[in-house]
Amino acid sequence: MFIRSYQEKDLEAIAALHHEAIAQGYLTPAAWESLAQGRAAGDREVLLVLERQGQLVGWGRVGGYGDRLGYEFACETSIYVVPTVRGQGAGRRMQRSLLQRAKALGYHHIVAQTLADHLGGLEFYKQLGFKVVGIQKEIFRFQDRWHDVVMLQLLL
């Protein structure tokens, strides 16, 4: 498996992975919105993909957190790796690469969000040094029920 930068040809495969992750309850739709709007190619946005034998098996991104004055040093990250390759360290390598690139882009504060009942996602971010800073109660509605979202942060 290797990590590489996103190419336009990857958009369809990333979309399929993202929608699969939402259906499995691993991701909220927020990360997809900026990519779908074509923002992944921005100067301060990074999108990486994880490839195995010519097939995309994961993706991760870092991009701006807010457009308001003073938020230019804050960014948000999202990552997804298919279940068949989890636990092999590739997601951790990709997230570390994203953190390095975020720092190189001048970001100081990075935010991650995960569904509260996705304990694997919570543990993943905690192992990378992220700290839980809050829980947004019943903010996300999916499959006819409300979900809480955990907010995590890391100072670079």
C-alpha atoms as a PDB file:
ATOM      1  CA  MET A   1       0.000   0.000   0.000  1.00  0.00           C
ATOM      2  CA  PHE A   2       1.198   3.461  -0.724  1.00  0.00           C
ATOM      3  CA  ILE A   3       0.029   7.001  -0.084  1.00  0.00           C
ATOM      4  CA  ARG A   4      -0.076   9.550  -2.857  1.00  0.00           C
ATOM      5  CA  SER A   5      -1.618  12.902  -3.647  1.00  0.00           C
ATOM      6  CA  TYR A   6      -5.150  13.055  -4.993  1.00  0.00           C
ATOM      7  CA  GLN A   7      -5.634  13.242  -8.741  1.00  0.00           C
ATOM      8  CA  GLU A   8      -8.838  14.328 -10.456  1.00  0.00           C
ATOM      9  CA  LYS A   9      -9.371  10.797 -11.744  1.00  0.00           C
ATOM     10  CA  ASP A  10      -9.768   9.669  -8.092  1.00  0.00           C
ATOM     11  CA  LEU A  11     -12.926  11.676  -7.425  1.00  0.00           C
ATOM     12  CA  GLU A  12     -15.407   8.919  -8.298  1.00  0.00           C
ATOM     13  CA  ALA A  13     -13.597   6.293  -6.204  1.00  0.00           C
ATOM     14  CA  ILE A  14     -13.311   8.686  -3.248  1.00  0.00           C
ATOM     15  CA  ALA A  15     -17.016   9.471  -3.495  1.00  0.00           C
ATOM     16  CA  ALA A  16     -17.858   5.763  -3.403  1.00  0.00           C
ATOM     17  CA  LEU A  17     -15.599   5.206  -0.367  1.00  0.00           C
ATOM     18  CA  HIS A  18     -17.061   8.211   1.399  1.00  0.00           C
ATOM     19  CA  HIS A  19     -20.664   7.142   0.868  1.00  0.00           C
ATOM     20  CA  GLU A  20     -19.754   3.624   2.027  1.00  0.00           C
ATOM     21  CA  ALA A  21     -18.281   5.116   5.208  1.00  0.00           C
ATOM     22  CA  ILE A  22     -21.411   7.160   5.878  1.00  0.00           C
ATOM     23  CA  ALA A  23     -23.601   4.089   5.353  1.00  0.00           C
ATOM     24  CA  GLN A  24     -21.464   2.164   7.854  1.00  0.00           C
ATOM     25  CA  GLY A  25     -21.725   5.001  10.355  1.00  0.00           C
ATOM     26  CA  TYR A  26     -18.023   5.909  10.251  1.00  0.00           C
ATOM     27  CA  LEU A  27     -18.216   9.420   8.781  1.00  0.00           C
ATOM     28  CA  THR A  28     -20.472  12.422   8.645  1.00  0.00           C
ATOM     29  CA  PRO A  29     -21.063  14.062   5.249  1.00  0.00           C
ATOM     30  CA  ALA A  30     -19.091  17.234   6.135  1.00  0.00           C
ATOM     31  CA  ALA A  31     -15.737  16.127   4.703  1.00  0.00           C
ATOM     32  CA  TRP A  32     -17.265  15.254   1.364  1.00  0.00           C
ATOM     33  CA  GLU A  33     -18.895  18.663   0.929  1.00  0.00           C
ATOM     34  CA  SER A  34     -15.663  20.587   0.389  1.00  0.00           C
ATOM     35  CA  LEU A  35     -14.281  17.973  -1.980  1.00  0.00           C
ATOM     36  CA  ALA A  36     -17.515  17.840  -3.962  1.00  0.00           C
ATOM     37  CA  GLN A  37     -17.368  21.635  -4.287  1.00  0.00           C
ATOM     38  CA  GLY A  38     -13.908  21.335  -5.817  1.00  0.00           C
ATOM     39  CA  ARG A  39     -12.053  22.864  -2.874  1.00  0.00           C
ATOM     40  CA  ALA A  40      -9.558  20.016  -2.419  1.00  0.00           C
ATOM     41  CA  ALA A  41      -7.192  21.657  -4.859  1.00  0.00           C
ATOM     42  CA  GLY A  42      -6.987  24.913  -2.877  1.00  0.00           C
ATOM     43  CA  ASP A  43      -3.646  26.326  -1.775  1.00  0.00           C
ATOM     44  CA  ARG A  44      -4.161  25.289   1.840  1.00  0.00           C
ATOM     45  CA  GLU A  45      -5.956  22.012   1.299  1.00  0.00           C
ATOM     46  CA  VAL A  46      -4.419  18.562   1.030  1.00  0.00           C
ATOM     47  CA  LEU A  47      -6.098  15.397  -0.151  1.00  0.00           C
ATOM     48  CA  LEU A  48      -4.218  12.101  -0.045  1.00  0.00           C
ATOM     49  CA  VAL A  49      -5.288   8.659  -1.178  1.00  0.00           C
ATOM     50  CA  LEU A  50      -4.249   5.209  -0.072  1.00  0.00           C
ATOM     51  CA  GLU A  51      -3.780   2.823  -2.960  1.00  0.00           C
ATOM     52  CA  ARG A  52      -3.327  -0.949  -2.991  1.00  0.00           C
ATOM     53  CA  GLN A  53      -2.805  -2.861  -6.216  1.00  0.00           C
ATOM     54  CA  GLY A  54      -4.240  -0.014  -8.291  1.00  0.00           C
ATOM     55  CA  GLN A  55      -7.370   0.348  -6.163  1.00  0.00           C
ATOM     56  CA  LEU A  56      -8.192   3.163  -3.758  1.00  0.00           C
ATOM     57  CA  VAL A  57      -8.669   1.787  -0.255  1.00  0.00           C
ATOM     58  CA  GLY A  58      -8.647   5.046   1.683  1.00  0.00           C
ATOM     59  CA  TRP A  59      -8.385   8.791   1.611  1.00  0.00           C
ATOM     60  CA  GLY A  60      -7.625  11.644   3.976  1.00  0.00           C
ATOM     61  CA  ARG A  61      -7.837  15.400   3.836  1.00  0.00           C
ATOM     62  CA  VAL A  62      -6.869  18.575   5.621  1.00  0.00           C
ATOM     63  CA  GLY A  63      -8.545  21.868   4.809  1.00  0.00           C
ATOM     64  CA  GLY A  64      -9.596  25.179   6.259  1.00  0.00           C
ATOM     65  CA  TYR A  65     -11.876  25.179   9.271  1.00  0.00           C
ATOM     66  CA  GLY A  66     -13.577  28.521   8.890  1.00  0.00           C
ATOM     67  CA  ASP A  67     -13.615  31.529   6.620  1.00  0.00           C
ATOM     68  CA  ARG A  68     -13.861  34.129   9.394  1.00  0.00           C
ATOM     69  CA  LEU A  69     -10.966  36.368  10.364  1.00  0.00           C
ATOM     70  CA  GLY A  70      -8.650  34.656  12.838  1.00  0.00           C
ATOM     71  CA  TYR A  71      -9.475  31.104  11.720  1.00  0.00           C
ATOM     72  CA  GLU A  72      -6.786  31.004   9.040  1.00  0.00           C
ATOM     73  CA  PHE A  73      -4.570  28.999  11.404  1.00  0.00           C
ATOM     74  CA  ALA A  74      -7.225  26.337  12.077  1.00  0.00           C
ATOM     75  CA  CYS A  75      -7.966  23.382   9.827  1.00  0.00           C
ATOM     76  CA  GLU A  76     -10.060  20.236   9.845  1.00  0.00           C
ATOM     77  CA  THR A  77      -9.076  16.689   8.985  1.00  0.00           C
ATOM     78  CA  SER A  78     -11.008  13.621   7.894  1.00  0.00           C
ATOM     79  CA  ILE A  79      -9.785  10.165   7.046  1.00  0.00           C
ATOM     80  CA  TYR A  80     -11.324   6.893   5.918  1.00  0.00           C
ATOM     81  CA  VAL A  81      -9.732   3.501   5.328  1.00  0.00           C
ATOM     82  CA  VAL A  82     -11.745   0.476   4.170  1.00  0.00           C
ATOM     83  CA  PRO A  83     -12.259  -2.221   6.819  1.00  0.00           C
ATOM     84  CA  THR A  84     -10.100  -4.788   4.996  1.00  0.00           C
ATOM     85  CA  VAL A  85      -6.927  -2.721   5.489  1.00  0.00           C
ATOM     86  CA  ARG A  86      -7.578  -1.297   8.961  1.00  0.00           C
ATOM     87  CA  GLY A  87      -5.122  -2.147  11.685  1.00  0.00           C
ATOM     88  CA  GLN A  88      -2.150  -2.296   9.312  1.00  0.00           C
ATOM     89  CA  GLY A  89      -0.862   1.200  10.083  1.00  0.00           C
ATOM     90  CA  ALA A  90      -1.645   2.778   6.707  1.00  0.00           C
ATOM     91  CA  GLY A  91      -4.302   5.117   8.108  1.00  0.00           C
ATOM     92  CA  ARG A  92      -1.945   6.266  10.844  1.00  0.00           C
ATOM     93  CA  ARG A  93       0.825   6.899   8.265  1.00  0.00           C
ATOM     94  CA  MET A  94      -1.603   8.877   6.107  1.00  0.00           C
ATOM     95  CA  GLN A  95      -2.863  10.950   9.055  1.00  0.00           C
ATOM     96  CA  ARG A  96       0.714  11.696  10.174  1.00  0.00           C
ATOM     97  CA  SER A  97       1.507  12.848   6.645  1.00  0.00           C
ATOM     98  CA  LEU A  98      -1.570  15.083   6.709  1.00  0.00           C
ATOM     99  CA  LEU A  99      -0.485  16.563  10.054  1.00  0.00           C
ATOM    100  CA  GLN A 100       2.984  17.316   8.676  1.00  0.00           C
ATOM    101  CA  ARG A 101       1.520  18.986   5.618  1.00  0.00           C
ATOM    102  CA  ALA A 102      -0.915  20.990   7.760  1.00  0.00           C
ATOM    103  CA  LYS A 103       1.974  22.313   9.814  1.00  0.00           C
ATOM    104  CA  ALA A 104       3.937  23.160   6.644  1.00  0.00           C
ATOM    105  CA  LEU A 105       0.892  25.107   5.393  1.00  0.00           C
ATOM    106  CA  GLY A 106       0.974  27.249   8.530  1.00  0.00           C
ATOM    107  CA  TYR A 107      -1.882  25.667  10.448  1.00  0.00           C
ATOM    108  CA  HIS A 108      -1.648  25.654  14.244  1.00  0.00           C
ATOM    109  CA  HIS A 109      -4.915  24.017  15.333  1.00  0.00           C
ATOM    110  CA  ILE A 110      -6.455  20.948  13.723  1.00  0.00           C
ATOM    111  CA  VAL A 111      -9.992  19.687  14.347  1.00  0.00           C
ATOM    112  CA  ALA A 112     -11.373  16.197  13.806  1.00  0.00           C
ATOM    113  CA  GLN A 113     -14.935  14.974  14.225  1.00  0.00           C
ATOM    114  CA  THR A 114     -16.244  11.458  14.608  1.00  0.00           C
ATOM    115  CA  LEU A 115     -19.563   9.919  15.491  1.00  0.00           C
ATOM    116  CA  ALA A 116     -19.708   9.308  19.238  1.00  0.00           C
ATOM    117  CA  ASP A 117     -20.490   5.615  18.847  1.00  0.00           C
ATOM    118  CA  HIS A 118     -17.536   5.073  16.474  1.00  0.00           C
ATOM    119  CA  LEU A 119     -15.102   4.037  19.180  1.00  0.00           C
ATOM    120  CA  GLY A 120     -12.434   2.973  16.682  1.00  0.00           C
ATOM    121  CA  GLY A 121     -12.365   6.477  15.220  1.00  0.00           C
ATOM    122  CA  LEU A 122     -12.119   8.054  18.651  1.00  0.00           C
ATOM    123  CA  GLU A 123      -9.241   5.785  19.634  1.00  0.00           C
ATOM    124  CA  PHE A 124      -7.484   6.414  16.308  1.00  0.00           C
ATOM    125  CA  TYR A 125      -7.410  10.176  16.852  1.00  0.00           C
ATOM    126  CA  LYS A 126      -6.515   9.888  20.544  1.00  0.00           C
ATOM    127  CA  GLN A 127      -3.497   7.717  19.687  1.00  0.00           C
ATOM    128  CA  LEU A 128      -2.294  10.509  17.411  1.00  0.00           C
ATOM    129  CA  GLY A 129      -2.496  13.047  20.246  1.00  0.00           C
ATOM    130  CA  PHE A 130      -5.930  14.558  19.615  1.00  0.00           C
ATOM    131  CA  LYS A 131      -7.933  15.565  22.701  1.00  0.00           C
ATOM    132  CA  VAL A 132     -11.725  15.475  23.032  1.00  0.00           C
ATOM    133  CA  VAL A 133     -13.001  19.030  23.441  1.00  0.00           C
ATOM    134  CA  GLY A 134     -16.729  18.472  23.228  1.00  0.00           C
ATOM    135  CA  ILE A 135     -19.710  16.485  22.099  1.00  0.00           C
ATOM    136  CA  GLN A 136     -22.375  17.909  19.842  1.00  0.00           C
ATOM    137  CA  LYS A 137     -25.558  16.199  20.975  1.00  0.00           C
ATOM    138  CA  GLU A 138     -27.972  14.952  18.329  1.00  0.00           C
ATOM    139  CA  ILE A 139     -26.438  17.090  15.609  1.00  0.00           C
ATOM    140  CA  PHE A 140     -26.445  14.486  12.853  1.00  0.00           C
ATOM    141  CA  ARG A 141     -29.558  12.627  11.692  1.00  0.00           C
ATOM    142  CA  PHE A 142     -28.992   9.401   9.798  1.00  0.00           C
ATOM    143  CA  GLN A 143     -31.039   6.227   9.296  1.00  0.00           C
ATOM    144  CA  ASP A 144     -33.991   7.657  11.223  1.00  0.00           C
ATOM    145  CA  ARG A 145     -32.072   8.426  14.396  1.00  0.00           C
ATOM    146  CA  TRP A 146     -30.028  11.228  15.902  1.00  0.00           C
ATOM    147  CA  HIS A 147     -26.282  10.857  16.409  1.00  0.00           C
ATOM    148  CA  ASP A 148     -23.846  12.713  18.627  1.00  0.00           C
ATOM    149  CA  VAL A 149     -20.575  13.941  17.130  1.00  0.00           C
ATOM    150  CA  VAL A 150     -17.362  14.155  19.144  1.00  0.00           C
ATOM    151  CA  MET A 151     -15.109  17.131  18.464  1.00  0.00           C
ATOM    152  CA  LEU A 152     -11.357  16.579  18.889  1.00  0.00           C
ATOM    153  CA  GLN A 153      -8.437  18.944  18.489  1.00  0.00           C
ATOM    154  CA  LEU A 154      -4.687  18.866  18.203  1.00  0.00           C
ATOM    155  CA  LEU A 155      -2.329  21.807  18.490  1.00  0.00           C
ATOM    156  CA  LEU A 156       0.490  21.471  15.993  1.00  0.00           C
END
